[in-house]
């Protein structure tokens, strides 16, 4: 795993900090760490309209198609409101820089588990 640069905007909001960690986990956490974040009935929505249902299928997709070694992961913003959250930034992999955004819906307002994830720029 490469360098991670957090937004620095989450000091006063534990939920915003949790959203930032979710974005980081998508790129660099182990499959077990991601599995703990997912509700059993989570839905992963991809930019092309594809939907992946269930925690195991979502975890496998992220492991095979999203999680890669990166040089730099920079989170620009991470925000939450009620049961939704979003983060955006850019990731540099083998010298290529790509922007990304992650939108999530939490199971509840405590932001303990993810009910839905939408990925853009992956």
PDB file of N, CA and C in Angstrom:
ATOM      1  N   UNK A   1       0.849  -1.176   0.000  1.00  0.00           N
ATOM      2  CA  UNK A   1       0.000   0.000   0.000  1.00  0.00           C
ATOM      3  C   UNK A   1       0.891   1.234   0.000  1.00  0.00           C
ATOM      4  N   UNK A   2       0.505   2.221  -0.756  1.00  0.00           N
ATOM      5  CA  UNK A   2       1.284   3.447  -0.888  1.00  0.00           C
ATOM      6  C   UNK A   2       0.903   4.492   0.137  1.00  0.00           C
ATOM      7  N   UNK A   3       1.222   5.709  -0.177  1.00  0.00           N
ATOM      8  CA  UNK A   3       0.962   6.843   0.705  1.00  0.00           C
ATOM      9  C   UNK A   3      -0.520   7.198   0.700  1.00  0.00           C
ATOM     10  N   UNK A   4      -1.047   7.506   1.877  1.00  0.00           N
ATOM     11  CA  UNK A   4      -2.445   7.935   2.027  1.00  0.00           C
ATOM     12  C   UNK A   4      -2.450   9.350   2.578  1.00  0.00           C
ATOM     13  N   UNK A   5      -3.168  10.238   1.893  1.00  0.00           N
ATOM     14  CA  UNK A   5      -3.304  11.620   2.344  1.00  0.00           C
ATOM     15  C   UNK A   5      -4.784  11.853   2.641  1.00  0.00           C
ATOM     16  N   UNK A   6      -5.107  12.033   3.915  1.00  0.00           N
ATOM     17  CA  UNK A   6      -6.493  12.279   4.308  1.00  0.00           C
ATOM     18  C   UNK A   6      -6.849  13.748   4.097  1.00  0.00           C
ATOM     19  N   UNK A   7      -8.129  14.024   4.065  1.00  0.00           N
ATOM     20  CA  UNK A   7      -8.605  15.376   3.772  1.00  0.00           C
ATOM     21  C   UNK A   7      -8.245  16.387   4.860  1.00  0.00           C
ATOM     22  N   UNK A   8      -8.172  15.948   6.087  1.00  0.00           N
ATOM     23  CA  UNK A   8      -7.930  16.869   7.191  1.00  0.00           C
ATOM     24  C   UNK A   8      -9.180  17.609   7.635  1.00  0.00           C
ATOM     25  N   UNK A   9     -10.324  17.263   7.047  1.00  0.00           N
ATOM     26  CA  UNK A   9     -11.578  17.962   7.351  1.00  0.00           C
ATOM     27  C   UNK A   9     -12.449  17.226   8.368  1.00  0.00           C
ATOM     28  N   UNK A  10     -12.021  16.088   8.861  1.00  0.00           N
ATOM     29  CA  UNK A  10     -12.909  15.222   9.641  1.00  0.00           C
ATOM     30  C   UNK A  10     -12.653  15.242  11.144  1.00  0.00           C
ATOM     31  N   UNK A  11     -11.899  16.186  11.617  1.00  0.00           N
ATOM     32  CA  UNK A  11     -11.515  16.182  13.030  1.00  0.00           C
ATOM     33  C   UNK A  11     -12.694  16.279  13.984  1.00  0.00           C
ATOM     34  N   UNK A  12     -13.738  17.003  13.603  1.00  0.00           N
ATOM     35  CA  UNK A  12     -14.873  17.222  14.506  1.00  0.00           C
ATOM     36  C   UNK A  12     -16.065  16.329  14.204  1.00  0.00           C
ATOM     37  N   UNK A  13     -15.922  15.395  13.289  1.00  0.00           N
ATOM     38  CA  UNK A  13     -17.038  14.543  12.923  1.00  0.00           C
ATOM     39  C   UNK A  13     -16.592  13.092  12.812  1.00  0.00           C
ATOM     40  N   UNK A  14     -16.905  12.287  13.813  1.00  0.00           N
ATOM     41  CA  UNK A  14     -16.536  10.867  13.744  1.00  0.00           C
ATOM     42  C   UNK A  14     -17.150  10.149  12.539  1.00  0.00           C
ATOM     43  N   UNK A  15     -18.371  10.522  12.145  1.00  0.00           N
ATOM     44  CA  UNK A  15     -18.992   9.875  10.990  1.00  0.00           C
ATOM     45  C   UNK A  15     -18.271  10.257   9.697  1.00  0.00           C
ATOM     46  N   UNK A  16     -17.869  11.504   9.560  1.00  0.00           N
ATOM     47  CA  UNK A  16     -17.108  11.891   8.376  1.00  0.00           C
ATOM     48  C   UNK A  16     -15.766  11.161   8.341  1.00  0.00           C
ATOM     49  N   UNK A  17     -15.131  11.023   9.499  1.00  0.00           N
ATOM     50  CA  UNK A  17     -13.876  10.281   9.576  1.00  0.00           C
ATOM     51  C   UNK A  17     -14.104   8.816   9.202  1.00  0.00           C
ATOM     52  N   UNK A  18     -15.230   8.241   9.618  1.00  0.00           N
ATOM     53  CA  UNK A  18     -15.559   6.864   9.248  1.00  0.00           C
ATOM     54  C   UNK A  18     -15.740   6.743   7.735  1.00  0.00           C
ATOM     55  N   UNK A  19     -16.360   7.738   7.123  1.00  0.00           N
ATOM     56  CA  UNK A  19     -16.548   7.720   5.674  1.00  0.00           C
ATOM     57  C   UNK A  19     -15.205   7.777   4.961  1.00  0.00           C
ATOM     58  N   UNK A  20     -14.298   8.568   5.482  1.00  0.00           N
ATOM     59  CA  UNK A  20     -12.958   8.656   4.913  1.00  0.00           C
ATOM     60  C   UNK A  20     -12.263   7.289   4.998  1.00  0.00           C
ATOM     61  N   UNK A  21     -12.419   6.607   6.129  1.00  0.00           N
ATOM     62  CA  UNK A  21     -11.810   5.285   6.312  1.00  0.00           C
ATOM     63  C   UNK A  21     -12.442   4.253   5.380  1.00  0.00           C
ATOM     64  N   UNK A  22     -13.727   4.385   5.097  1.00  0.00           N
ATOM     65  CA  UNK A  22     -14.390   3.478   4.155  1.00  0.00           C
ATOM     66  C   UNK A  22     -13.770   3.627   2.772  1.00  0.00           C
ATOM     67  N   UNK A  23     -13.574   4.861   2.324  1.00  0.00           N
ATOM     68  CA  UNK A  23     -12.950   5.095   1.020  1.00  0.00           C
ATOM     69  C   UNK A  23     -11.548   4.504   0.976  1.00  0.00           C
ATOM     70  N   UNK A  24     -10.801   4.679   2.035  1.00  0.00           N
ATOM     71  CA  UNK A  24      -9.447   4.123   2.103  1.00  0.00           C
ATOM     72  C   UNK A  24      -9.496   2.598   2.096  1.00  0.00           C
ATOM     73  N   UNK A  25     -10.436   2.023   2.832  1.00  0.00           N
ATOM     74  CA  UNK A  25     -10.560   0.564   2.921  1.00  0.00           C
ATOM     75  C   UNK A  25     -10.866  -0.056   1.567  1.00  0.00           C
ATOM     76  N   UNK A  26     -11.649   0.610   0.762  1.00  0.00           N
ATOM     77  CA  UNK A  26     -11.993   0.075  -0.554  1.00  0.00           C
ATOM     78  C   UNK A  26     -10.738  -0.148  -1.392  1.00  0.00           C
ATOM     79  N   UNK A  27      -9.754   0.722  -1.244  1.00  0.00           N
ATOM     80  CA  UNK A  27      -8.517   0.577  -2.012  1.00  0.00           C
ATOM     81  C   UNK A  27      -7.485  -0.317  -1.348  1.00  0.00           C
ATOM     82  N   UNK A  28      -7.464  -0.365  -0.022  1.00  0.00           N
ATOM     83  CA  UNK A  28      -6.317  -1.009   0.588  1.00  0.00           C
ATOM     84  C   UNK A  28      -6.553  -2.013   1.684  1.00  0.00           C
ATOM     85  N   UNK A  29      -7.783  -2.191   2.138  1.00  0.00           N
ATOM     86  CA  UNK A  29      -8.019  -3.099   3.261  1.00  0.00           C
ATOM     87  C   UNK A  29      -8.047  -4.546   2.784  1.00  0.00           C
ATOM     88  N   UNK A  30      -7.884  -5.441   3.721  1.00  0.00           N
ATOM     89  CA  UNK A  30      -7.990  -6.861   3.397  1.00  0.00           C
ATOM     90  C   UNK A  30      -9.460  -7.225   3.185  1.00  0.00           C
ATOM     91  N   UNK A  31      -9.700  -8.391   2.585  1.00  0.00           N
ATOM     92  CA  UNK A  31     -11.073  -8.834   2.366  1.00  0.00           C
ATOM     93  C   UNK A  31     -11.824  -8.970   3.687  1.00  0.00           C
ATOM     94  N   UNK A  32     -11.148  -9.411   4.739  1.00  0.00           N
ATOM     95  CA  UNK A  32     -11.813  -9.546   6.040  1.00  0.00           C
ATOM     96  C   UNK A  32     -12.233  -8.194   6.589  1.00  0.00           C
ATOM     97  N   UNK A  33     -11.396  -7.174   6.401  1.00  0.00           N
ATOM     98  CA  UNK A  33     -11.728  -5.836   6.898  1.00  0.00           C
ATOM     99  C   UNK A  33     -12.929  -5.254   6.164  1.00  0.00           C
ATOM    100  N   UNK A  34     -13.000  -5.457   4.859  1.00  0.00           N
ATOM    101  CA  UNK A  34     -14.138  -4.966   4.082  1.00  0.00           C
ATOM    102  C   UNK A  34     -15.395  -5.721   4.472  1.00  0.00           C
ATOM    103  N   UNK A  35     -15.288  -7.015   4.626  1.00  0.00           N
ATOM    104  CA  UNK A  35     -16.439  -7.859   4.970  1.00  0.00           C
ATOM    105  C   UNK A  35     -17.137  -7.342   6.232  1.00  0.00           C
ATOM    106  N   UNK A  36     -16.370  -6.880   7.193  1.00  0.00           N
ATOM    107  CA  UNK A  36     -16.942  -6.371   8.443  1.00  0.00           C
ATOM    108  C   UNK A  36     -17.775  -5.114   8.236  1.00  0.00           C
ATOM    109  N   UNK A  37     -17.516  -4.367   7.175  1.00  0.00           N
ATOM    110  CA  UNK A  37     -18.251  -3.131   6.897  1.00  0.00           C
ATOM    111  C   UNK A  37     -19.583  -3.371   6.191  1.00  0.00           C
ATOM    112  N   UNK A  38     -19.743  -4.529   5.558  1.00  0.00           N
ATOM    113  CA  UNK A  38     -20.873  -4.771   4.681  1.00  0.00           C
ATOM    114  C   UNK A  38     -22.041  -5.463   5.370  1.00  0.00           C
ATOM    115  N   UNK A  39     -23.243  -4.959   5.115  1.00  0.00           N
ATOM    116  CA  UNK A  39     -24.447  -5.680   5.526  1.00  0.00           C
ATOM    117  C   UNK A  39     -24.564  -6.904   4.622  1.00  0.00           C
ATOM    118  N   UNK A  40     -25.222  -7.943   5.093  1.00  0.00           N
ATOM    119  CA  UNK A  40     -25.368  -9.159   4.292  1.00  0.00           C
ATOM    120  C   UNK A  40     -26.038  -8.887   2.954  1.00  0.00           C
ATOM    121  N   UNK A  41     -26.984  -7.958   2.935  1.00  0.00           N
ATOM    122  CA  UNK A  41     -27.754  -7.672   1.722  1.00  0.00           C
ATOM    123  C   UNK A  41     -27.279  -6.406   1.002  1.00  0.00           C
ATOM    124  N   UNK A  42     -26.009  -6.062   1.137  1.00  0.00           N
ATOM    125  CA  UNK A  42     -25.452  -4.868   0.495  1.00  0.00           C
ATOM    126  C   UNK A  42     -25.591  -4.969  -1.024  1.00  0.00           C
ATOM    127  N   UNK A  43     -25.766  -3.820  -1.662  1.00  0.00           N
ATOM    128  CA  UNK A  43     -25.782  -3.742  -3.118  1.00  0.00           C
ATOM    129  C   UNK A  43     -24.668  -2.812  -3.563  1.00  0.00           C
ATOM    130  N   UNK A  44     -23.839  -3.287  -4.491  1.00  0.00           N
ATOM    131  CA  UNK A  44     -22.776  -2.486  -5.078  1.00  0.00           C
ATOM    132  C   UNK A  44     -23.256  -2.023  -6.445  1.00  0.00           C
ATOM    133  N   UNK A  45     -23.285  -0.705  -6.646  1.00  0.00           N
ATOM    134  CA  UNK A  45     -23.713  -0.098  -7.909  1.00  0.00           C
ATOM    135  C   UNK A  45     -22.476   0.431  -8.617  1.00  0.00           C
ATOM    136  N   UNK A  46     -22.293   0.039  -9.865  1.00  0.00           N
ATOM    137  CA  UNK A  46     -21.159   0.501 -10.655  1.00  0.00           C
ATOM    138  C   UNK A  46     -21.619   1.555 -11.651  1.00  0.00           C
ATOM    139  N   UNK A  47     -20.686   2.362 -12.126  1.00  0.00           N
ATOM    140  CA  UNK A  47     -21.007   3.482 -13.009  1.00  0.00           C
ATOM    141  C   UNK A  47     -21.679   3.038 -14.312  1.00  0.00           C
ATOM    142  N   UNK A  48     -21.427   1.810 -14.764  1.00  0.00           N
ATOM    143  CA  UNK A  48     -22.027   1.336 -16.013  1.00  0.00           C
ATOM    144  C   UNK A  48     -23.432   0.761 -15.830  1.00  0.00           C
ATOM    145  N   UNK A  49     -23.967   0.853 -14.613  1.00  0.00           N
ATOM    146  CA  UNK A  49     -25.309   0.350 -14.334  1.00  0.00           C
ATOM    147  C   UNK A  49     -25.339  -1.047 -13.744  1.00  0.00           C
ATOM    148  N   UNK A  50     -24.221  -1.725 -13.701  1.00  0.00           N
ATOM    149  CA  UNK A  50     -24.146  -3.060 -13.112  1.00  0.00           C
ATOM    150  C   UNK A  50     -24.433  -2.983 -11.619  1.00  0.00           C
ATOM    151  N   UNK A  51     -25.203  -3.954 -11.122  1.00  0.00           N
ATOM    152  CA  UNK A  51     -25.462  -4.070  -9.690  1.00  0.00           C
ATOM    153  C   UNK A  51     -24.993  -5.439  -9.222  1.00  0.00           C
ATOM    154  N   UNK A  52     -24.289  -5.443  -8.105  1.00  0.00           N
ATOM    155  CA  UNK A  52     -23.801  -6.680  -7.509  1.00  0.00           C
ATOM    156  C   UNK A  52     -24.454  -6.801  -6.143  1.00  0.00           C
ATOM    157  N   UNK A  53     -25.108  -7.935  -5.912  1.00  0.00           N
ATOM    158  CA  UNK A  53     -25.887  -8.133  -4.689  1.00  0.00           C
ATOM    159  C   UNK A  53     -25.158  -9.028  -3.695  1.00  0.00           C
ATOM    160  N   UNK A  54     -25.219  -8.670  -2.422  1.00  0.00           N
ATOM    161  CA  UNK A  54     -24.705  -9.501  -1.348  1.00  0.00           C
ATOM    162  C   UNK A  54     -23.286  -9.167  -0.933  1.00  0.00           C
ATOM    163  N   UNK A  55     -22.999  -9.463   0.324  1.00  0.00           N
ATOM    164  CA  UNK A  55     -21.693  -9.090   0.875  1.00  0.00           C
ATOM    165  C   UNK A  55     -20.546  -9.889   0.267  1.00  0.00           C
ATOM    166  N   UNK A  56     -20.738 -11.177   0.039  1.00  0.00           N
ATOM    167  CA  UNK A  56     -19.648 -11.984  -0.515  1.00  0.00           C
ATOM    168  C   UNK A  56     -19.316 -11.563  -1.938  1.00  0.00           C
ATOM    169  N   UNK A  57     -20.346 -11.358  -2.771  1.00  0.00           N
ATOM    170  CA  UNK A  57     -20.117 -10.948  -4.162  1.00  0.00           C
ATOM    171  C   UNK A  57     -19.498  -9.556  -4.225  1.00  0.00           C
ATOM    172  N   UNK A  58     -19.951  -8.654  -3.362  1.00  0.00           N
ATOM    173  CA  UNK A  58     -19.387  -7.301  -3.319  1.00  0.00           C
ATOM    174  C   UNK A  58     -17.934  -7.341  -2.891  1.00  0.00           C
ATOM    175  N   UNK A  59     -17.655  -8.096  -1.855  1.00  0.00           N
ATOM    176  CA  UNK A  59     -16.292  -8.215  -1.350  1.00  0.00           C
ATOM    177  C   UNK A  59     -15.372  -8.799  -2.422  1.00  0.00           C
ATOM    178  N   UNK A  60     -15.842  -9.812  -3.133  1.00  0.00           N
ATOM    179  CA  UNK A  60     -15.042 -10.432  -4.185  1.00  0.00           C
ATOM    180  C   UNK A  60     -14.796  -9.457  -5.338  1.00  0.00           C
ATOM    181  N   UNK A  61     -15.815  -8.712  -5.741  1.00  0.00           N
ATOM    182  CA  UNK A  61     -15.654  -7.743  -6.823  1.00  0.00           C
ATOM    183  C   UNK A  61     -14.611  -6.682  -6.439  1.00  0.00           C
ATOM    184  N   UNK A  62     -14.737  -6.142  -5.249  1.00  0.00           N
ATOM    185  CA  UNK A  62     -13.784  -5.113  -4.804  1.00  0.00           C
ATOM    186  C   UNK A  62     -12.373  -5.680  -4.777  1.00  0.00           C
ATOM    187  N   UNK A  63     -12.228  -6.907  -4.270  1.00  0.00           N
ATOM    188  CA  UNK A  63     -10.899  -7.525  -4.193  1.00  0.00           C
ATOM    189  C   UNK A  63     -10.292  -7.738  -5.575  1.00  0.00           C
ATOM    190  N   UNK A  64     -11.109  -8.114  -6.549  1.00  0.00           N
ATOM    191  CA  UNK A  64     -10.582  -8.445  -7.870  1.00  0.00           C
ATOM    192  C   UNK A  64     -10.470  -7.264  -8.823  1.00  0.00           C
ATOM    193  N   UNK A  65     -11.344  -6.258  -8.675  1.00  0.00           N
ATOM    194  CA  UNK A  65     -11.413  -5.209  -9.685  1.00  0.00           C
ATOM    195  C   UNK A  65     -11.082  -3.800  -9.187  1.00  0.00           C
ATOM    196  N   UNK A  66     -11.108  -3.593  -7.897  1.00  0.00           N
ATOM    197  CA  UNK A  66     -10.876  -2.242  -7.366  1.00  0.00           C
ATOM    198  C   UNK A  66      -9.585  -2.187  -6.569  1.00  0.00           C
ATOM    199  N   UNK A  67      -9.412  -3.098  -5.648  1.00  0.00           N
ATOM    200  CA  UNK A  67      -8.266  -3.060  -4.744  1.00  0.00           C
ATOM    201  C   UNK A  67      -7.003  -3.428  -5.510  1.00  0.00           C
ATOM    202  N   UNK A  68      -6.127  -2.463  -5.637  1.00  0.00           N
ATOM    203  CA  UNK A  68      -4.849  -2.675  -6.306  1.00  0.00           C
ATOM    204  C   UNK A  68      -3.790  -1.920  -5.496  1.00  0.00           C
ATOM    205  N   UNK A  69      -2.576  -2.291  -5.682  1.00  0.00           N
ATOM    206  CA  UNK A  69      -1.521  -1.517  -5.048  1.00  0.00           C
ATOM    207  C   UNK A  69      -1.522  -0.110  -5.612  1.00  0.00           C
ATOM    208  N   UNK A  70      -1.454   0.879  -4.780  1.00  0.00           N
ATOM    209  CA  UNK A  70      -1.451   2.260  -5.259  1.00  0.00           C
ATOM    210  C   UNK A  70      -0.211   2.975  -4.754  1.00  0.00           C
ATOM    211  N   UNK A  71       0.177   3.985  -5.511  1.00  0.00           N
ATOM    212  CA  UNK A  71       1.310   4.820  -5.112  1.00  0.00           C
ATOM    213  C   UNK A  71       0.853   5.897  -4.127  1.00  0.00           C
ATOM    214  N   UNK A  72      -0.305   6.492  -4.452  1.00  0.00           N
ATOM    215  CA  UNK A  72      -0.839   7.582  -3.645  1.00  0.00           C
ATOM    216  C   UNK A  72      -2.360   7.531  -3.679  1.00  0.00           C
ATOM    217  N   UNK A  73      -2.966   7.666  -2.523  1.00  0.00           N
ATOM    218  CA  UNK A  73      -4.414   7.792  -2.402  1.00  0.00           C
ATOM    219  C   UNK A  73      -4.677   9.077  -1.638  1.00  0.00           C
ATOM    220  N   UNK A  74      -5.362  10.024  -2.274  1.00  0.00           N
ATOM    221  CA  UNK A  74      -5.649  11.312  -1.646  1.00  0.00           C
ATOM    222  C   UNK A  74      -7.155  11.488  -1.560  1.00  0.00           C
ATOM    223  N   UNK A  75      -7.624  11.703  -0.349  1.00  0.00           N
ATOM    224  CA  UNK A  75      -9.040  11.969  -0.117  1.00  0.00           C
ATOM    225  C   UNK A  75      -9.212  13.486  -0.073  1.00  0.00           C
ATOM    226  N   UNK A  76     -10.027  14.020  -0.963  1.00  0.00           N
ATOM    227  CA  UNK A  76     -10.279  15.461  -0.972  1.00  0.00           C
ATOM    228  C   UNK A  76     -11.375  15.835   0.029  1.00  0.00           C
ATOM    229  N   UNK A  77     -12.481  15.100  -0.004  1.00  0.00           N
ATOM    230  CA  UNK A  77     -13.601  15.389   0.890  1.00  0.00           C
ATOM    231  C   UNK A  77     -14.257  14.091   1.329  1.00  0.00           C
ATOM    232  N   UNK A  78     -14.760  14.062   2.551  1.00  0.00           N
ATOM    233  CA  UNK A  78     -15.558  12.958   3.060  1.00  0.00           C
ATOM    234  C   UNK A  78     -16.670  13.583   3.893  1.00  0.00           C
ATOM    235  N   UNK A  79     -17.919  13.311   3.509  1.00  0.00           N
ATOM    236  CA  UNK A  79     -19.046  13.925   4.199  1.00  0.00           C
ATOM    237  C   UNK A  79     -20.119  12.876   4.467  1.00  0.00           C
ATOM    238  N   UNK A  80     -20.914  13.132   5.493  1.00  0.00           N
ATOM    239  CA  UNK A  80     -22.055  12.275   5.810  1.00  0.00           C
ATOM    240  C   UNK A  80     -23.216  13.146   6.241  1.00  0.00           C
ATOM    241  N   UNK A  81     -24.408  12.596   6.069  1.00  0.00           N
ATOM    242  CA  UNK A  81     -25.616  13.242   6.561  1.00  0.00           C
ATOM    243  C   UNK A  81     -26.654  12.147   6.769  1.00  0.00           C
ATOM    244  N   UNK A  82     -27.059  11.945   7.993  1.00  0.00           N
ATOM    245  CA  UNK A  82     -28.022  10.889   8.275  1.00  0.00           C
ATOM    246  C   UNK A  82     -27.469   9.528   7.908  1.00  0.00           C
ATOM    247  N   UNK A  83     -28.150   8.849   6.977  1.00  0.00           N
ATOM    248  CA  UNK A  83     -27.744   7.501   6.584  1.00  0.00           C
ATOM    249  C   UNK A  83     -26.965   7.451   5.265  1.00  0.00           C
ATOM    250  N   UNK A  84     -26.453   8.584   4.811  1.00  0.00           N
ATOM    251  CA  UNK A  84     -25.684   8.591   3.562  1.00  0.00           C
ATOM    252  C   UNK A  84     -24.318   9.229   3.784  1.00  0.00           C
ATOM    253  N   UNK A  85     -23.384   8.868   2.912  1.00  0.00           N
ATOM    254  CA  UNK A  85     -22.050   9.433   2.985  1.00  0.00           C
ATOM    255  C   UNK A  85     -21.407   9.436   1.614  1.00  0.00           C
ATOM    256  N   UNK A  86     -20.379  10.255   1.458  1.00  0.00           N
ATOM    257  CA  UNK A  86     -19.667  10.344   0.190  1.00  0.00           C
ATOM    258  C   UNK A  86     -18.221  10.748   0.445  1.00  0.00           C
ATOM    259  N   UNK A  87     -17.365  10.285  -0.446  1.00  0.00           N
ATOM    260  CA  UNK A  87     -15.960  10.682  -0.418  1.00  0.00           C
ATOM    261  C   UNK A  87     -15.478  10.767  -1.862  1.00  0.00           C
ATOM    262  N   UNK A  88     -14.559  11.689  -2.094  1.00  0.00           N
ATOM    263  CA  UNK A  88     -13.957  11.784  -3.422  1.00  0.00           C
ATOM    264  C   UNK A  88     -12.487  12.136  -3.276  1.00  0.00           C
ATOM    265  N   UNK A  89     -11.768  11.903  -4.353  1.00  0.00           N
ATOM    266  CA  UNK A  89     -10.348  12.201  -4.355  1.00  0.00           C
ATOM    267  C   UNK A  89      -9.704  11.643  -5.595  1.00  0.00           C
ATOM    268  N   UNK A  90      -8.427  11.277  -5.476  1.00  0.00           N
ATOM    269  CA  UNK A  90      -7.761  10.640  -6.604  1.00  0.00           C
ATOM    270  C   UNK A  90      -6.804   9.582  -6.097  1.00  0.00           C
ATOM    271  N   UNK A  91      -6.539   8.652  -6.986  1.00  0.00           N
ATOM    272  CA  UNK A  91      -5.615   7.564  -6.685  1.00  0.00           C
ATOM    273  C   UNK A  91      -4.606   7.485  -7.822  1.00  0.00           C
ATOM    274  N   UNK A  92      -3.358   7.290  -7.473  1.00  0.00           N
ATOM    275  CA  UNK A  92      -2.293   7.130  -8.449  1.00  0.00           C
ATOM    276  C   UNK A  92      -1.805   5.686  -8.391  1.00  0.00           C
ATOM    277  N   UNK A  93      -1.921   4.993  -9.536  1.00  0.00           N
ATOM    278  CA  UNK A  93      -1.502   3.600  -9.631  1.00  0.00           C
ATOM    279  C   UNK A  93      -0.521   3.500 -10.788  1.00  0.00           C
ATOM    280  N   UNK A  94       0.696   3.081 -10.473  1.00  0.00           N
ATOM    281  CA  UNK A  94       1.757   2.947 -11.476  1.00  0.00           C
ATOM    282  C   UNK A  94       1.912   4.230 -12.297  1.00  0.00           C
ATOM    283  N   UNK A  95       1.851   5.371 -11.627  1.00  0.00           N
ATOM    284  CA  UNK A  95       2.056   6.659 -12.268  1.00  0.00           C
ATOM    285  C   UNK A  95       0.830   7.253 -12.944  1.00  0.00           C
ATOM    286  N   UNK A  96      -0.263   6.491 -13.052  1.00  0.00           N
ATOM    287  CA  UNK A  96      -1.496   6.998 -13.662  1.00  0.00           C
ATOM    288  C   UNK A  96      -2.430   7.491 -12.571  1.00  0.00           C
ATOM    289  N   UNK A  97      -2.895   8.707 -12.712  1.00  0.00           N
ATOM    290  CA  UNK A  97      -3.773   9.316 -11.714  1.00  0.00           C
ATOM    291  C   UNK A  97      -5.220   9.259 -12.198  1.00  0.00           C
ATOM    292  N   UNK A  98      -6.118   8.783 -11.322  1.00  0.00           N
ATOM    293  CA  UNK A  98      -7.537   8.700 -11.632  1.00  0.00           C
ATOM    294  C   UNK A  98      -8.349   9.320 -10.507  1.00  0.00           C
ATOM    295  N   UNK A  99      -9.352  10.105 -10.872  1.00  0.00           N
ATOM    296  CA  UNK A  99     -10.284  10.609  -9.881  1.00  0.00           C
ATOM    297  C   UNK A  99     -11.298   9.530  -9.539  1.00  0.00           C
ATOM    298  N   UNK A 100     -11.864   9.600  -8.351  1.00  0.00           N
ATOM    299  CA  UNK A 100     -12.876   8.632  -7.943  1.00  0.00           C
ATOM    300  C   UNK A 100     -13.869   9.289  -7.007  1.00  0.00           C
ATOM    301  N   UNK A 101     -15.015   8.663  -6.871  1.00  0.00           N
ATOM    302  CA  UNK A 101     -15.968   9.034  -5.825  1.00  0.00           C
ATOM    303  C   UNK A 101     -16.661   7.778  -5.330  1.00  0.00           C
ATOM    304  N   UNK A 102     -16.997   7.799  -4.059  1.00  0.00           N
ATOM    305  CA  UNK A 102     -17.683   6.696  -3.392  1.00  0.00           C
ATOM    306  C   UNK A 102     -18.883   7.292  -2.676  1.00  0.00           C
ATOM    307  N   UNK A 103     -20.052   6.743  -2.949  1.00  0.00           N
ATOM    308  CA  UNK A 103     -21.273   7.132  -2.249  1.00  0.00           C
ATOM    309  C   UNK A 103     -21.784   5.900  -1.525  1.00  0.00           C
ATOM    310  N   UNK A 104     -22.213   6.069  -0.286  1.00  0.00           N
ATOM    311  CA  UNK A 104     -22.713   4.926   0.472  1.00  0.00           C
ATOM    312  C   UNK A 104     -24.037   5.262   1.147  1.00  0.00           C
ATOM    313  N   UNK A 105     -24.796   4.223   1.391  1.00  0.00           N
ATOM    314  CA  UNK A 105     -25.976   4.311   2.241  1.00  0.00           C
ATOM    315  C   UNK A 105     -25.721   3.362   3.398  1.00  0.00           C
ATOM    316  N   UNK A 106     -25.825   3.898   4.602  1.00  0.00           N
ATOM    317  CA  UNK A 106     -25.615   3.097   5.799  1.00  0.00           C
ATOM    318  C   UNK A 106     -26.914   2.391   6.196  1.00  0.00           C
ATOM    319  N   UNK A 107     -26.786   1.287   6.907  1.00  0.00           N
ATOM    320  CA  UNK A 107     -27.950   0.566   7.412  1.00  0.00           C
ATOM    321  C   UNK A 107     -28.719   1.434   8.398  1.00  0.00           C
ATOM    322  N   UNK A 108     -27.981   2.204   9.209  1.00  0.00           N
ATOM    323  CA  UNK A 108     -28.614   3.084  10.196  1.00  0.00           C
ATOM    324  C   UNK A 108     -27.781   4.359  10.334  1.00  0.00           C
ATOM    325  N   UNK A 109     -28.248   5.267  11.155  1.00  0.00           N
ATOM    326  CA  UNK A 109     -27.554   6.548  11.313  1.00  0.00           C
ATOM    327  C   UNK A 109     -26.255   6.428  12.113  1.00  0.00           C
ATOM    328  N   UNK A 110     -26.001   5.283  12.724  1.00  0.00           N
ATOM    329  CA  UNK A 110     -24.743   5.071  13.442  1.00  0.00           C
ATOM    330  C   UNK A 110     -23.589   4.772  12.493  1.00  0.00           C
ATOM    331  N   UNK A 111     -23.897   4.527  11.229  1.00  0.00           N
ATOM    332  CA  UNK A 111     -22.881   4.288  10.186  1.00  0.00           C
ATOM    333  C   UNK A 111     -22.030   3.059  10.491  1.00  0.00           C
ATOM    334  N   UNK A 112     -22.661   2.020  11.006  1.00  0.00           N
ATOM    335  CA  UNK A 112     -21.913   0.815  11.363  1.00  0.00           C
ATOM    336  C   UNK A 112     -21.697  -0.130  10.184  1.00  0.00           C
ATOM    337  N   UNK A 113     -22.678  -0.245   9.320  1.00  0.00           N
ATOM    338  CA  UNK A 113     -22.577  -1.157   8.173  1.00  0.00           C
ATOM    339  C   UNK A 113     -23.143  -0.495   6.924  1.00  0.00           C
ATOM    340  N   UNK A 114     -22.667  -0.971   5.785  1.00  0.00           N
ATOM    341  CA  UNK A 114     -23.066  -0.395   4.511  1.00  0.00           C
ATOM    342  C   UNK A 114     -24.194  -1.198   3.873  1.00  0.00           C
ATOM    343  N   UNK A 115     -25.248  -0.492   3.491  1.00  0.00           N
ATOM    344  CA  UNK A 115     -26.392  -1.100   2.799  1.00  0.00           C
ATOM    345  C   UNK A 115     -26.221  -0.997   1.284  1.00  0.00           C
ATOM    346  N   UNK A 116     -25.612   0.079   0.807  1.00  0.00           N
ATOM    347  CA  UNK A 116     -25.391   0.271  -0.625  1.00  0.00           C
ATOM    348  C   UNK A 116     -24.110   1.076  -0.830  1.00  0.00           C
ATOM    349  N   UNK A 117     -23.419   0.749  -1.928  1.00  0.00           N
ATOM    350  CA  UNK A 117     -22.195   1.457  -2.311  1.00  0.00           C
ATOM    351  C   UNK A 117     -22.306   1.787  -3.794  1.00  0.00           C
ATOM    352  N   UNK A 118     -21.958   3.019  -4.147  1.00  0.00           N
ATOM    353  CA  UNK A 118     -21.883   3.416  -5.549  1.00  0.00           C
ATOM    354  C   UNK A 118     -20.467   3.896  -5.824  1.00  0.00           C
ATOM    355  N   UNK A 119     -19.834   3.301  -6.828  1.00  0.00           N
ATOM    356  CA  UNK A 119     -18.449   3.618  -7.162  1.00  0.00           C
ATOM    357  C   UNK A 119     -18.383   4.285  -8.528  1.00  0.00           C
ATOM    358  N   UNK A 120     -17.625   5.353  -8.613  1.00  0.00           N
ATOM    359  CA  UNK A 120     -17.400   6.059  -9.871  1.00  0.00           C
ATOM    360  C   UNK A 120     -15.910   6.286 -10.042  1.00  0.00           C
ATOM    361  N   UNK A 121     -15.416   6.062 -11.237  1.00  0.00           N
ATOM    362  CA  UNK A 121     -14.008   6.292 -11.526  1.00  0.00           C
ATOM    363  C   UNK A 121     -13.120   5.124 -11.209  1.00  0.00           C
ATOM    364  N   UNK A 122     -13.694   3.952 -11.026  1.00  0.00           N
ATOM    365  CA  UNK A 122     -12.907   2.757 -10.706  1.00  0.00           C
ATOM    366  C   UNK A 122     -12.742   1.906 -11.944  1.00  0.00           C
TER     367      UNK A 122
END
